[in-house]
C-alpha atoms as a PDB file:
ATOM      1  CA  PRO A   1     -11.298  70.338 -16.754  1.00  0.00           C
ATOM      2  CA  GLU A   2     -10.339  72.144 -13.815  1.00  0.00           C
ATOM      3  CA  VAL A   3     -11.462  72.976 -10.791  1.00  0.00           C
ATOM      4  CA  VAL A   4     -11.788  76.445  -9.278  1.00  0.00           C
ATOM      5  CA  THR A   5     -10.752  77.344  -6.203  1.00  0.00           C
ATOM      6  CA  LYS A   6     -10.548  79.954  -3.601  1.00  0.00           C
ATOM      7  CA  VAL A   7      -8.813  81.917  -0.049  1.00  0.00           C
ATOM      8  CA  GLU A   8     -10.288  82.217   2.764  1.00  0.00           C
ATOM      9  CA  ASN A   9      -8.090  83.870   5.239  1.00  0.00           C
ATOM     10  CA  GLY A  10      -5.068  82.620   3.066  1.00  0.00           C
ATOM     11  CA  GLN A  11      -6.635  79.200   2.599  1.00  0.00           C
ATOM     12  CA  VAL A  12      -6.926  77.412  -0.498  1.00  0.00           C
ATOM     13  CA  MET A  13     -10.888  76.143  -0.568  1.00  0.00           C
ATOM     14  CA  GLU A  14     -12.005  73.855  -3.279  1.00  0.00           C
ATOM     15  CA  PRO A  15     -15.571  72.393  -3.899  1.00  0.00           C
ATOM     16  CA  LEU A  16     -16.797  69.763  -1.894  1.00  0.00           C
ATOM     17  CA  GLU A  17     -19.145  67.154  -3.494  1.00  0.00           C
ATOM     18  CA  GLU A  18     -22.093  64.138  -1.885  1.00  0.00           C
ATOM     19  CA  LEU A  19     -22.050  61.326  -4.041  1.00  0.00           C
ATOM     20  CA  THR A  20     -24.508  59.194  -4.460  1.00  0.00           C
ATOM     21  CA  ILE A  21     -24.339  55.763  -6.376  1.00  0.00           C
ATOM     22  CA  GLU A  22     -26.826  53.207  -6.651  1.00  0.00           C
ATOM     23  CA  VAL A  23     -25.123  49.590  -8.515  1.00  0.00           C
ATOM     24  CA  ALA A  24     -25.102  46.456  -8.390  1.00  0.00           C
ATOM     25  CA  GLU A  25     -24.283  44.207  -4.924  1.00  0.00           C
ATOM     26  CA  ASP A  26     -21.795  42.088  -7.697  1.00  0.00           C
ATOM     27  CA  TYR A  27     -19.650  45.398  -8.466  1.00  0.00           C
ATOM     28  CA  VAL A  28     -20.023  47.099  -4.785  1.00  0.00           C
ATOM     29  CA  GLY A  29     -16.165  45.895  -4.323  1.00  0.00           C
ATOM     30  CA  GLU A  30     -15.251  47.425  -7.097  1.00  0.00           C
ATOM     31  CA  VAL A  31     -16.934  51.016  -6.729  1.00  0.00           C
ATOM     32  CA  THR A  32     -15.499  50.987  -2.897  1.00  0.00           C
ATOM     33  CA  SER A  33     -11.797  50.417  -4.296  1.00  0.00           C
ATOM     34  CA  GLN A  34     -12.431  52.808  -7.147  1.00  0.00           C
ATOM     35  CA  LEU A  35     -13.682  55.848  -4.290  1.00  0.00           C
ATOM     36  CA  GLY A  36     -10.542  54.351  -2.144  1.00  0.00           C
ATOM     37  CA  LYS A  37      -8.031  55.345  -4.272  1.00  0.00           C
ATOM     38  CA  ARG A  38     -10.096  58.794  -4.278  1.00  0.00           C
ATOM     39  CA  ARG A  39      -9.876  60.091  -0.820  1.00  0.00           C
ATOM     40  CA  ALA A  40     -13.933  59.588  -0.512  1.00  0.00           C
ATOM     41  CA  GLU A  41     -15.228  59.368   2.983  1.00  0.00           C
ATOM     42  CA  LEU A  42     -17.975  56.797   2.896  1.00  0.00           C
ATOM     43  CA  ILE A  43     -20.790  58.256   5.390  1.00  0.00           C
ATOM     44  CA  SER A  44     -23.905  55.675   4.369  1.00  0.00           C
ATOM     45  CA  MET A  45     -24.297  52.484   2.264  1.00  0.00           C
ATOM     46  CA  GLU A  46     -27.673  50.188   2.976  1.00  0.00           C
ATOM     47  CA  GLN A  47     -29.139  47.556   0.459  1.00  0.00           C
ATOM     48  CA  LYS A  48     -32.021  49.142  -1.546  1.00  0.00           C
ATOM     49  CA  GLY A  49     -33.091  45.900  -2.867  1.00  0.00           C
ATOM     50  CA  PRO A  50     -31.803  42.198  -3.641  1.00  0.00           C
ATOM     51  CA  ASP A  51     -29.429  43.134  -5.841  1.00  0.00           C
ATOM     52  CA  ALA A  52     -28.943  46.290  -4.819  1.00  0.00           C
ATOM     53  CA  HIS A  53     -26.684  49.021  -2.737  1.00  0.00           C
ATOM     54  CA  GLN A  54     -27.005  53.184  -2.292  1.00  0.00           C
ATOM     55  CA  ILE A  55     -23.319  54.150  -0.733  1.00  0.00           C
ATOM     56  CA  ILE A  56     -22.581  58.164  -0.611  1.00  0.00           C
ATOM     57  CA  TYR A  57     -19.675  59.390  -0.031  1.00  0.00           C
ATOM     58  CA  GLN A  58     -18.774  62.600   0.233  1.00  0.00           C
ATOM     59  CA  LEU A  59     -14.887  63.719  -1.843  1.00  0.00           C
ATOM     60  CA  PRO A  60     -13.499  66.629  -3.515  1.00  0.00           C
ATOM     61  CA  THR A  61     -14.905  68.013  -6.530  1.00  0.00           C
ATOM     62  CA  ARG A  62     -11.272  67.245  -8.110  1.00  0.00           C
ATOM     63  CA  ALA A  63     -11.152  63.565  -7.454  1.00  0.00           C
ATOM     64  CA  MET A  64     -15.380  63.217  -9.073  1.00  0.00           C
ATOM     65  CA  LEU A  65     -12.678  63.935 -13.190  1.00  0.00           C
ATOM     66  CA  GLY A  66     -13.371  60.717 -14.760  1.00  0.00           C
ATOM     67  CA  LEU A  67     -14.671  58.662 -12.345  1.00  0.00           C
ATOM     68  CA  ARG A  68     -17.960  58.573 -14.197  1.00  0.00           C
ATOM     69  CA  SER A  69     -16.173  56.799 -17.054  1.00  0.00           C
ATOM     70  CA  GLN A  70     -14.208  54.573 -14.755  1.00  0.00           C
ATOM     71  CA  LEU A  71     -17.183  53.216 -12.986  1.00  0.00           C
ATOM     72  CA  LEU A  72     -19.349  53.290 -15.770  1.00  0.00           C
ATOM     73  CA  MET A  73     -16.074  50.196 -17.252  1.00  0.00           C
ATOM     74  CA  SER A  74     -16.281  48.745 -14.218  1.00  0.00           C
ATOM     75  CA  THR A  75     -19.541  47.924 -13.373  1.00  0.00           C
ATOM     76  CA  LYS A  76     -20.367  46.777 -17.375  1.00  0.00           C
ATOM     77  CA  GLY A  77     -22.782  50.489 -17.740  1.00  0.00           C
ATOM     78  CA  THR A  78     -24.653  49.802 -14.664  1.00  0.00           C
ATOM     79  CA  ALA A  79     -23.313  52.311 -11.930  1.00  0.00           C
ATOM     80  CA  VAL A  80     -25.756  55.179 -10.581  1.00  0.00           C
ATOM     81  CA  MET A  81     -24.543  58.703  -9.983  1.00  0.00           C
ATOM     82  CA  ASN A  82     -25.714  61.422  -8.910  1.00  0.00           C
ATOM     83  CA  SER A  83     -23.710  64.630  -6.683  1.00  0.00           C
ATOM     84  CA  LEU A  84     -24.989  67.190  -5.190  1.00  0.00           C
ATOM     85  CA  PHE A  85     -22.012  70.669  -3.905  1.00  0.00           C
ATOM     86  CA  ALA A  86     -21.750  70.373  -0.349  1.00  0.00           C
ATOM     87  CA  GLY A  87     -19.894  73.291   0.252  1.00  0.00           C
ATOM     88  CA  TYR A  88     -15.862  74.065   0.092  1.00  0.00           C
ATOM     89  CA  THR A  89     -12.976  72.584   2.191  1.00  0.00           C
ATOM     90  CA  ARG A  90      -9.259  72.821   2.672  1.00  0.00           C
ATOM     91  CA  ARG A  91      -7.793  71.327  -0.216  1.00  0.00           C
ATOM     92  CA  GLY A  92      -6.214  68.487   0.331  1.00  0.00           C
ATOM     93  CA  ALA A  93      -2.669  66.759  -0.399  1.00  0.00           C
ATOM     94  CA  GLU A  94      -2.715  65.675  -4.222  1.00  0.00           C
ATOM     95  CA  LEU A  95      -3.843  62.597  -5.409  1.00  0.00           C
ATOM     96  CA  GLU A  96      -2.124  59.821  -6.725  1.00  0.00           C
ATOM     97  CA  LYS A  97      -3.138  58.614 -10.423  1.00  0.00           C
ATOM     98  CA  THR A  98      -6.457  56.917 -10.194  1.00  0.00           C
ATOM     99  CA  ARG A  99      -7.008  55.596 -13.733  1.00  0.00           C
ATOM    100  CA  ASN A 100      -5.440  52.948 -15.136  1.00  0.00           C
ATOM    101  CA  GLY A 101      -2.952  53.103 -18.042  1.00  0.00           C
ATOM    102  CA  VAL A 102      -4.666  53.155 -22.295  1.00  0.00           C
ATOM    103  CA  LEU A 103      -3.763  50.194 -25.104  1.00  0.00           C
ATOM    104  CA  ILE A 104      -2.561  51.728 -28.357  1.00  0.00           C
ATOM    105  CA  ALA A 105      -3.119  50.154 -31.563  1.00  0.00           C
ATOM    106  CA  HIS A 106       0.484  49.488 -32.921  1.00  0.00           C
ATOM    107  CA  GLU A 107      -0.512  49.896 -36.272  1.00  0.00           C
ATOM    108  CA  THR A 108      -3.201  51.165 -38.809  1.00  0.00           C
ATOM    109  CA  GLY A 109      -6.131  49.159 -40.210  1.00  0.00           C
ATOM    110  CA  GLU A 110      -9.172  46.896 -39.532  1.00  0.00           C
ATOM    111  CA  ALA A 111      -9.998  45.593 -36.095  1.00  0.00           C
ATOM    112  CA  THR A 112     -10.083  42.128 -36.237  1.00  0.00           C
ATOM    113  CA  ALA A 113     -11.772  39.411 -33.710  1.00  0.00           C
ATOM    114  CA  TYR A 114      -8.989  37.536 -33.000  1.00  0.00           C
ATOM    115  CA  SER A 115      -7.058  40.100 -32.424  1.00  0.00           C
ATOM    116  CA  LEU A 116      -9.728  41.753 -29.701  1.00  0.00           C
ATOM    117  CA  GLN A 117     -10.378  38.133 -28.692  1.00  0.00           C
ATOM    118  CA  SER A 118      -6.737  39.034 -26.868  1.00  0.00           C
ATOM    119  CA  LEU A 119      -7.493  42.628 -25.910  1.00  0.00           C
ATOM    120  CA  GLU A 120      -9.650  41.420 -23.709  1.00  0.00           C
ATOM    121  CA  GLU A 121      -7.312  39.176 -21.825  1.00  0.00           C
ATOM    122  CA  ARG A 122      -5.912  42.578 -21.315  1.00  0.00           C
ATOM    123  CA  GLY A 123      -8.689  45.054 -20.198  1.00  0.00           C
ATOM    124  CA  THR A 124     -11.505  47.215 -21.397  1.00  0.00           C
ATOM    125  CA  ALA A 125     -12.612  47.118 -25.651  1.00  0.00           C
ATOM    126  CA  PHE A 126     -13.577  50.798 -27.266  1.00  0.00           C
ATOM    127  CA  VAL A 127     -13.096  49.229 -30.167  1.00  0.00           C
ATOM    128  CA  GLY A 128     -15.006  46.299 -32.184  1.00  0.00           C
ATOM    129  CA  HIS A 129     -14.296  43.914 -34.665  1.00  0.00           C
ATOM    130  CA  GLY A 130     -14.239  45.738 -38.292  1.00  0.00           C
ATOM    131  CA  SER A 131     -12.781  48.958 -36.362  1.00  0.00           C
ATOM    132  CA  ARG A 132     -10.522  51.364 -38.562  1.00  0.00           C
ATOM    133  CA  VAL A 133      -7.832  51.820 -35.995  1.00  0.00           C
ATOM    134  CA  TYR A 134      -4.843  54.036 -36.927  1.00  0.00           C
ATOM    135  CA  GLN A 135      -1.178  53.546 -35.008  1.00  0.00           C
ATOM    136  CA  GLY A 136      -1.452  55.657 -32.070  1.00  0.00           C
ATOM    137  CA  MET A 137      -5.575  55.830 -30.946  1.00  0.00           C
ATOM    138  CA  ILE A 138      -6.612  54.323 -28.010  1.00  0.00           C
ATOM    139  CA  VAL A 139      -8.307  51.041 -28.495  1.00  0.00           C
ATOM    140  CA  GLY A 140      -9.101  49.927 -24.957  1.00  0.00           C
ATOM    141  CA  LEU A 141      -7.896  50.436 -21.095  1.00  0.00           C
ATOM    142  CA  ASN A 142      -5.389  48.146 -19.831  1.00  0.00           C
ATOM    143  CA  ARG A 143      -6.618  46.803 -15.995  1.00  0.00           C
ATOM    144  CA  ARG A 144      -2.807  47.998 -15.121  1.00  0.00           C
ATOM    145  CA  GLY A 145      -1.568  51.137 -14.572  1.00  0.00           C
ATOM    146  CA  ASP A 146       0.878  51.075 -17.814  1.00  0.00           C
ATOM    147  CA  ASP A 147       0.178  52.316 -21.660  1.00  0.00           C
ATOM    148  CA  VAL A 148       0.512  49.439 -24.050  1.00  0.00           C
ATOM    149  CA  ALA A 149       0.762  49.542 -27.688  1.00  0.00           C
ATOM    150  CA  ILE A 150      -0.786  46.643 -29.738  1.00  0.00           C
ATOM    151  CA  ASN A 151      -2.103  44.946 -32.739  1.00  0.00           C
ATOM    152  CA  VAL A 152      -5.021  44.648 -33.095  1.00  0.00           C
ATOM    153  CA  CYS A 153      -5.268  44.362 -36.844  1.00  0.00           C
ATOM    154  CA  LYS A 154      -3.889  40.859 -36.495  1.00  0.00           C
ATOM    155  CA  GLY A 155      -5.919  38.049 -37.952  1.00  0.00           C
ATOM    156  CA  LYS A 156      -6.005  34.375 -37.523  1.00  0.00           C
ATOM    157  CA  LYS A 157      -3.837  32.468 -39.870  1.00  0.00           C
ATOM    158  CA  LEU A 158      -6.159  29.968 -41.943  1.00  0.00           C
ATOM    159  CA  THR A 159      -4.931  26.794 -42.375  1.00  0.00           C
ATOM    160  CA  ASN A 160      -8.028  25.320 -45.215  1.00  0.00           C
ATOM    161  CA  VAL A 161     -10.833  27.754 -47.140  1.00  0.00           C
ATOM    162  CA  ARG A 162     -12.971  26.578 -44.462  1.00  0.00           C
ATOM    163  CA  ALA A 163     -11.557  28.526 -41.772  1.00  0.00           C
ATOM    164  CA  ALA A 164     -11.861  31.803 -43.420  1.00  0.00           C
ATOM    165  CA  GLY A 165     -14.646  32.699 -41.770  1.00  0.00           C
ATOM    166  CA  SER A 166     -13.942  31.194 -38.057  1.00  0.00           C
ATOM    167  CA  ASP A 167     -12.786  34.688 -36.911  1.00  0.00           C
ATOM    168  CA  THR A 168     -15.848  36.689 -37.634  1.00  0.00           C
ATOM    169  CA  ALA A 169     -16.689  33.714 -35.307  1.00  0.00           C
ATOM    170  CA  ILE A 170     -14.866  34.620 -32.243  1.00  0.00           C
ATOM    171  CA  LYS A 171     -17.844  35.979 -29.317  1.00  0.00           C
ATOM    172  CA  LEU A 172     -16.934  39.274 -28.269  1.00  0.00           C
ATOM    173  CA  ALA A 173     -17.971  41.378 -24.665  1.00  0.00           C
ATOM    174  CA  PRO A 174     -20.088  44.393 -26.364  1.00  0.00           C
ATOM    175  CA  PHE A 175     -17.339  47.097 -26.153  1.00  0.00           C
ATOM    176  CA  THR A 176     -16.777  50.418 -24.959  1.00  0.00           C
ATOM    177  CA  GLN A 177     -18.138  53.821 -26.327  1.00  0.00           C
ATOM    178  CA  LEU A 178     -17.239  57.016 -24.792  1.00  0.00           C
ATOM    179  CA  SER A 179     -19.293  59.818 -24.543  1.00  0.00           C
ATOM    180  CA  LEU A 180     -18.000  63.048 -25.390  1.00  0.00           C
ATOM    181  CA  GLU A 181     -18.052  63.927 -21.801  1.00  0.00           C
ATOM    182  CA  GLU A 182     -16.822  60.722 -20.534  1.00  0.00           C
ATOM    183  CA  SER A 183     -13.868  61.526 -23.567  1.00  0.00           C
ATOM    184  CA  LEU A 184     -13.118  64.563 -22.154  1.00  0.00           C
ATOM    185  CA  ASN A 185     -12.818  62.792 -18.459  1.00  0.00           C
ATOM    186  CA  PHE A 186     -11.162  59.937 -19.110  1.00  0.00           C
ATOM    187  CA  ILE A 187      -8.144  61.589 -21.118  1.00  0.00           C
ATOM    188  CA  GLU A 188      -4.753  61.997 -19.503  1.00  0.00           C
ATOM    189  CA  ASP A 189      -2.324  65.361 -20.493  1.00  0.00           C
ATOM    190  CA  ASP A 190      -1.247  63.190 -23.147  1.00  0.00           C
ATOM    191  CA  GLU A 191      -3.838  62.483 -24.730  1.00  0.00           C
ATOM    192  CA  LEU A 192      -6.899  63.696 -26.950  1.00  0.00           C
ATOM    193  CA  VAL A 193      -9.775  63.100 -28.027  1.00  0.00           C
ATOM    194  CA  GLU A 194     -10.820  63.441 -32.264  1.00  0.00           C
ATOM    195  CA  VAL A 195     -14.464  63.927 -32.800  1.00  0.00           C
ATOM    196  CA  THR A 196     -15.995  63.692 -36.073  1.00  0.00           C
ATOM    197  CA  PRO A 197     -19.317  63.356 -37.299  1.00  0.00           C
ATOM    198  CA  GLU A 198     -19.664  59.749 -37.398  1.00  0.00           C
ATOM    199  CA  ASN A 199     -17.245  58.985 -33.882  1.00  0.00           C
ATOM    200  CA  ILE A 200     -15.393  59.797 -30.984  1.00  0.00           C
ATOM    201  CA  ARG A 201     -12.163  59.122 -31.003  1.00  0.00           C
ATOM    202  CA  LEU A 202      -9.284  59.372 -28.673  1.00  0.00           C
ATOM    203  CA  ARG A 203      -4.910  59.010 -29.216  1.00  0.00           C
ATOM    204  CA  LYS A 204      -2.393  59.696 -27.683  1.00  0.00           C
ATOM    205  CA  ILE A 205      -0.506  62.720 -28.344  1.00  0.00           C
ATOM    206  CA  HIS A 206       2.290  61.749 -30.256  1.00  0.00           C
ATOM    207  CA  LEU A 207       1.212  58.636 -32.397  1.00  0.00           C
ATOM    208  CA  SER A 208       4.326  56.398 -32.740  1.00  0.00           C
ATOM    209  CA  GLU A 209       5.930  54.963 -29.702  1.00  0.00           C
ATOM    210  CA  THR A 210       9.373  55.729 -30.756  1.00  0.00           C
ATOM    211  CA  ASP A 211       8.367  59.677 -29.935  1.00  0.00           C
ATOM    212  CA  ARG A 212       6.181  58.931 -27.012  1.00  0.00           C
ATOM    213  CA  LYS A 213       8.809  57.146 -25.857  1.00  0.00           C
ATOM    214  CA  LYS A 214      11.537  59.696 -26.723  1.00  0.00           C
ATOM    215  CA  GLN A 215       9.207  62.567 -24.696  1.00  0.00           C
ATOM    216  CA  ALA A 216       8.737  60.364 -22.148  1.00  0.00           C
ATOM    217  CA  ASN A 217      12.417  60.143 -21.526  1.00  0.00           C
ATOM    218  CA  SER A 218      12.625  64.359 -21.977  1.00  0.00           C
ATOM    219  CA  PRO A 219      13.919  66.642 -19.445  1.00  0.00           C
ATOM    220  CA  ALA A 220      10.337  67.981 -19.154  1.00  0.00           C
ATOM    221  CA  ALA A 221       8.925  64.661 -18.630  1.00  0.00           C
ATOM    222  CA  VAL A 222      11.565  63.843 -16.330  1.00  0.00           C
ATOM    223  CA  ARG A 223      11.359  67.312 -13.968  1.00  0.00           C
END
C-alpha cells in the first residue's frame, strides 16, 4: 500500500490520522513502544475502567501501515483501534523499519508441536500443529529484527512405543491467523501473500535461503 501525498506551495504534504487505541493495562507499554517507533504524537491517555486505558495519538497515515496487525499480535488480539482523518501535514523524515523479522520454514512438510514449541521461544507462530508448510513460507514473527529460517517439521525422537503420542501432548499457545487485509499490511518488499480458497499464506519471493542470500548481496539490494 502507498499513501497519496499532495503538493502545496512547493511543500510535499501527507495525510495525518488521529488514532484511538483501547488496551488492557498489561499492554500499555507495548503500545507506547510501537507508536514511539512510528514517531506518533501522544495526545492523551486516560483510564477507562479497572483494567483498560484509552490512548489517543496523531501520526502520519504512512506510519499506520502494518500497525494494526503488529498491535493485535503483541496484545494477543485485545487492542481495539479506530482512526480518523485529521488533515494534512508537511511530510517528515523517512520512518525506520518498524516490523520485526520473520521466521521462515526451512523445508516442506507438516508442522509438529515439538518444533513449534521451539518457535514460540523465538516469537509468534502463524501455523499450528499439523499445518502443511513449504520451504520459504513465513511461519511466524521473530522477536528480533532479523529473518531466521527454522525447521518446524522436526518431530521429537521417540524412546519407546508409549512415547508416540507425546508430540501431540505438548501445550502450545493459539497461533495467529492474519486476515487478507492484515497480511497485505504485514508484508515487506521481499514478501508475497498467497491466497487460496482454503488458506491465506505469507511467503518470501525467493523460497530458498540460498537465493535469498544471493538477492540480499546483489548490487541492486546493496544500493
